[in-house]
């Protein structure tokens, strides 16, 4: 169906980012990924690694539920959440490039074994997207606002009811 080599398909899948193409082709070290460190799960979504993002979200949710059910103090809970986020982001910073290389190579090998559609369509399957991370960020912000807004509302004051009896 097509005569493209693995490296050509990899270039099409990754897109125009030369550092990733060189890194994936030569299996060389690329260093710390600052974008993955700073944006975490949104970087995974940007790179179209949806399964990894979902797994990270499930693990984080599980750990947060464990913290909530443990009855931890609210101050310590917030600190624990920040530490958990930092651990996830540092891990992605160090391992994000390797994760993306393995992801891209697996997609290319899968396509080479069973090329069901054109290489041009395969190139659209790869690359990056802004839409999904932005939508997830908006939904997350909305859910966060819905969860935090009731905590910020003033507590209702008890109302005294006077009953006047005639007779």
Protein backbone atom coordinates (compact mmCIF):
# COMPACT_ATOMS: atom_id res chain seq x y z
CA UNK A 1 0.00 0.00 0.00
CA UNK A 2 2.90 2.37 0.71
CA UNK A 3 6.67 2.27 0.52
CA UNK A 4 7.50 4.56 3.42
CA UNK A 5 10.23 3.49 5.82
CA UNK A 6 9.86 3.47 9.58
CA UNK A 7 11.83 6.72 9.88
CA UNK A 8 9.67 8.47 7.27
CA UNK A 9 6.49 7.31 9.01
CA UNK A 10 7.96 8.45 12.32
CA UNK A 11 8.64 11.91 10.89
CA UNK A 12 5.08 12.08 9.59
CA UNK A 13 3.66 10.90 12.93
CA UNK A 14 5.69 13.29 15.10
CA UNK A 15 5.32 16.32 12.89
CA UNK A 16 7.72 19.22 12.61
CA UNK A 17 9.54 18.94 15.94
CA UNK A 18 13.09 18.04 14.94
CA UNK A 19 14.32 17.26 18.45
CA UNK A 20 11.77 14.46 18.84
CA UNK A 21 12.49 13.07 15.37
CA UNK A 22 16.23 12.93 16.08
CA UNK A 23 15.60 11.47 19.52
CA UNK A 24 13.25 8.76 18.22
CA UNK A 25 15.39 7.79 15.23
CA UNK A 26 18.70 7.58 17.07
CA UNK A 27 17.44 6.42 20.48
CA UNK A 28 19.54 9.20 22.02
CA UNK A 29 19.07 11.05 25.27
CA UNK A 30 17.12 14.29 24.97
CA UNK A 31 17.20 15.36 28.60
CA UNK A 32 14.59 16.79 30.91
CA UNK A 33 11.25 17.71 29.33
CA UNK A 34 10.23 21.06 30.80
CA UNK A 35 6.85 21.09 29.08
CA UNK A 36 5.95 17.70 30.59
CA UNK A 37 7.15 18.89 34.00
CA UNK A 38 5.21 22.17 33.94
CA UNK A 39 1.97 20.96 32.35
CA UNK A 40 1.82 17.29 33.42
CA UNK A 41 -1.34 15.58 32.26
CA UNK A 42 -2.08 18.40 29.81
CA UNK A 43 1.23 17.67 28.05
CA UNK A 44 0.15 14.04 27.66
CA UNK A 45 -3.14 15.18 26.14
CA UNK A 46 -1.31 17.66 23.87
CA UNK A 47 0.84 14.80 22.58
CA UNK A 48 -2.29 12.64 22.06
CA UNK A 49 -1.21 10.07 24.65
CA UNK A 50 -4.74 9.73 25.96
CA UNK A 51 -4.36 6.31 27.61
CA UNK A 52 -1.35 7.49 29.63
CA UNK A 53 -3.24 10.62 30.69
CA UNK A 54 -6.27 8.54 31.70
CA UNK A 55 -4.10 6.12 33.73
CA UNK A 56 -2.38 9.04 35.45
CA UNK A 57 -5.76 10.57 36.26
CA UNK A 58 -7.08 7.28 37.68
CA UNK A 59 -3.99 6.80 39.87
CA UNK A 60 -4.16 10.40 41.13
CA UNK A 61 -7.88 10.08 41.85
CA UNK A 62 -7.32 6.82 43.74
CA UNK A 63 -4.55 8.36 45.85
CA UNK A 64 -6.66 11.43 46.60
CA UNK A 65 -9.57 9.23 47.66
CA UNK A 66 -7.27 7.27 49.96
CA UNK A 67 -6.13 10.55 51.52
CA UNK A 68 -9.72 11.74 51.94
CA UNK A 69 -10.89 8.48 53.49
CA UNK A 70 -7.94 8.43 55.87
CA UNK A 71 -9.43 11.44 57.68
CA UNK A 72 -6.36 13.58 57.15
CA UNK A 73 -6.43 17.21 58.30
CA UNK A 74 -7.44 19.67 55.53
CA UNK A 75 -4.09 21.51 55.72
CA UNK A 76 -2.14 18.27 55.37
CA UNK A 77 -4.49 17.09 52.63
CA UNK A 78 -3.71 20.14 50.48
CA UNK A 79 0.01 19.69 51.12
CA UNK A 80 -0.22 16.00 50.21
CA UNK A 81 -2.05 16.86 46.97
CA UNK A 82 0.65 19.37 46.03
CA UNK A 83 3.38 16.83 46.77
CA UNK A 84 1.53 14.19 44.73
CA UNK A 85 1.25 16.61 41.80
CA UNK A 86 4.93 17.47 42.08
CA UNK A 87 5.90 13.78 42.07
CA UNK A 88 3.80 13.13 38.96
CA UNK A 89 5.20 16.16 37.14
CA UNK A 90 8.84 15.48 38.04
CA UNK A 91 8.39 11.88 36.88
CA UNK A 92 6.93 13.11 33.59
CA UNK A 93 9.77 15.61 33.25
CA UNK A 94 12.37 12.86 33.47
CA UNK A 95 10.49 10.09 31.63
CA UNK A 96 8.19 12.03 29.28
CA UNK A 97 10.54 11.92 26.29
CA UNK A 98 11.10 8.20 26.63
CA UNK A 99 7.38 7.67 27.06
CA UNK A 100 6.66 9.68 23.90
CA UNK A 101 9.37 7.88 21.91
CA UNK A 102 7.96 4.47 22.87
CA UNK A 103 4.43 5.69 22.11
CA UNK A 104 5.39 7.01 18.65
CA UNK A 105 7.46 3.95 17.74
CA UNK A 106 4.66 1.60 18.83
CA UNK A 107 2.15 3.49 16.67
CA UNK A 108 4.50 3.41 13.66
CA UNK A 109 5.18 -0.33 14.05
CA UNK A 110 1.48 -1.06 14.42
CA UNK A 111 0.75 0.93 11.26
CA UNK A 112 3.56 -0.81 9.33
CA UNK A 113 2.14 -4.23 10.27
CA UNK A 114 -1.38 -3.28 9.19
CA UNK A 115 -1.58 -0.14 7.01
CA UNK A 116 -5.36 0.23 6.83
CA UNK A 117 -5.34 3.86 5.71
CA UNK A 118 -3.12 6.34 3.90
CA UNK A 119 0.14 7.66 5.35
CA UNK A 120 -1.39 11.14 5.24
CA UNK A 121 -4.21 10.04 7.52
CA UNK A 122 -1.68 8.30 9.75
CA UNK A 123 0.18 11.62 10.07
CA UNK A 124 -3.04 13.23 11.34
CA UNK A 125 -3.31 10.44 13.92
CA UNK A 126 -0.01 11.65 15.37
CA UNK A 127 1.32 15.13 15.97
CA UNK A 128 -0.20 17.36 18.61
CA UNK A 129 -3.56 18.85 19.50
CA UNK A 130 -4.58 21.90 21.47
CA UNK A 131 -8.28 21.11 21.58
CA UNK A 132 -8.33 18.20 24.02
CA UNK A 133 -6.09 19.76 26.69
CA UNK A 134 -8.06 23.01 26.55
CA UNK A 135 -11.40 21.21 26.85
CA UNK A 136 -10.12 19.10 29.76
CA UNK A 137 -8.74 22.22 31.46
CA UNK A 138 -12.10 24.00 31.10
CA UNK A 139 -14.05 21.00 32.43
CA UNK A 140 -11.59 20.58 35.31
CA UNK A 141 -11.84 24.29 36.14
CA UNK A 142 -15.64 24.10 36.10
CA UNK A 143 -15.66 21.05 38.38
CA UNK A 144 -13.15 22.68 40.69
CA UNK A 145 -15.26 25.83 40.86
CA UNK A 146 -18.39 23.79 41.58
CA UNK A 147 -16.56 22.02 44.39
CA UNK A 148 -14.91 25.08 45.90
CA UNK A 149 -17.67 27.68 45.45
CA UNK A 150 -19.92 26.23 48.18
CA UNK A 151 -16.98 26.38 50.58
CA UNK A 152 -16.52 30.09 49.86
CA UNK A 153 -20.17 31.00 50.39
CA UNK A 154 -21.02 32.59 53.74
CA UNK A 155 -22.70 30.27 56.18
CA UNK A 156 -26.41 31.00 56.57
CA UNK A 157 -27.28 32.54 59.89
CA UNK A 158 -30.12 31.07 61.91
CA UNK A 159 -33.30 33.04 61.61
CA UNK A 160 -35.37 33.67 64.69
CA UNK A 161 -39.06 33.09 64.19
CA UNK A 162 -41.38 34.87 66.57
CA UNK A 163 -44.82 33.47 67.11
CA UNK A 164 -47.38 35.90 68.40
CA UNK A 165 -50.45 34.36 69.89
CA UNK A 166 -53.70 36.27 70.14
CA UNK A 167 -56.39 35.27 72.51
